[in-house]
Amino acid sequence: MSYYTGQEGFGRFHYKENLKFCFYARGSLEETQDWLRKVYKRKLISSDNKEKIKSFLSIFPQKFNAYINKIKQYKNQNNE
């Protein structure tokens, strides 16, 4: 996941703009997960390391989706 992308969205005060950067960050996470599969398939990391990274990354999709849903909820409440 691109650390910079997630940080880039910090401080965005308009809901639509914040959502856009959340979607970019979520896309970066999916890209990271894809590269993890490729790296393992190419035997560049061990199975143990792959599982550790996969386990670490597995918590983020739910958190991103919950955060995105919360932003949408606030947006609807504030009619922005």
Foldseek 3Di string as FASTA:
>chain_A
DDPVLQVVLPPDDDLVSSLVSLVVVVVVLVVVLVVLVVCVVVVVDDPVVSVVVCVVSVVPVVVSVVVNVVSVVVCVVVVD
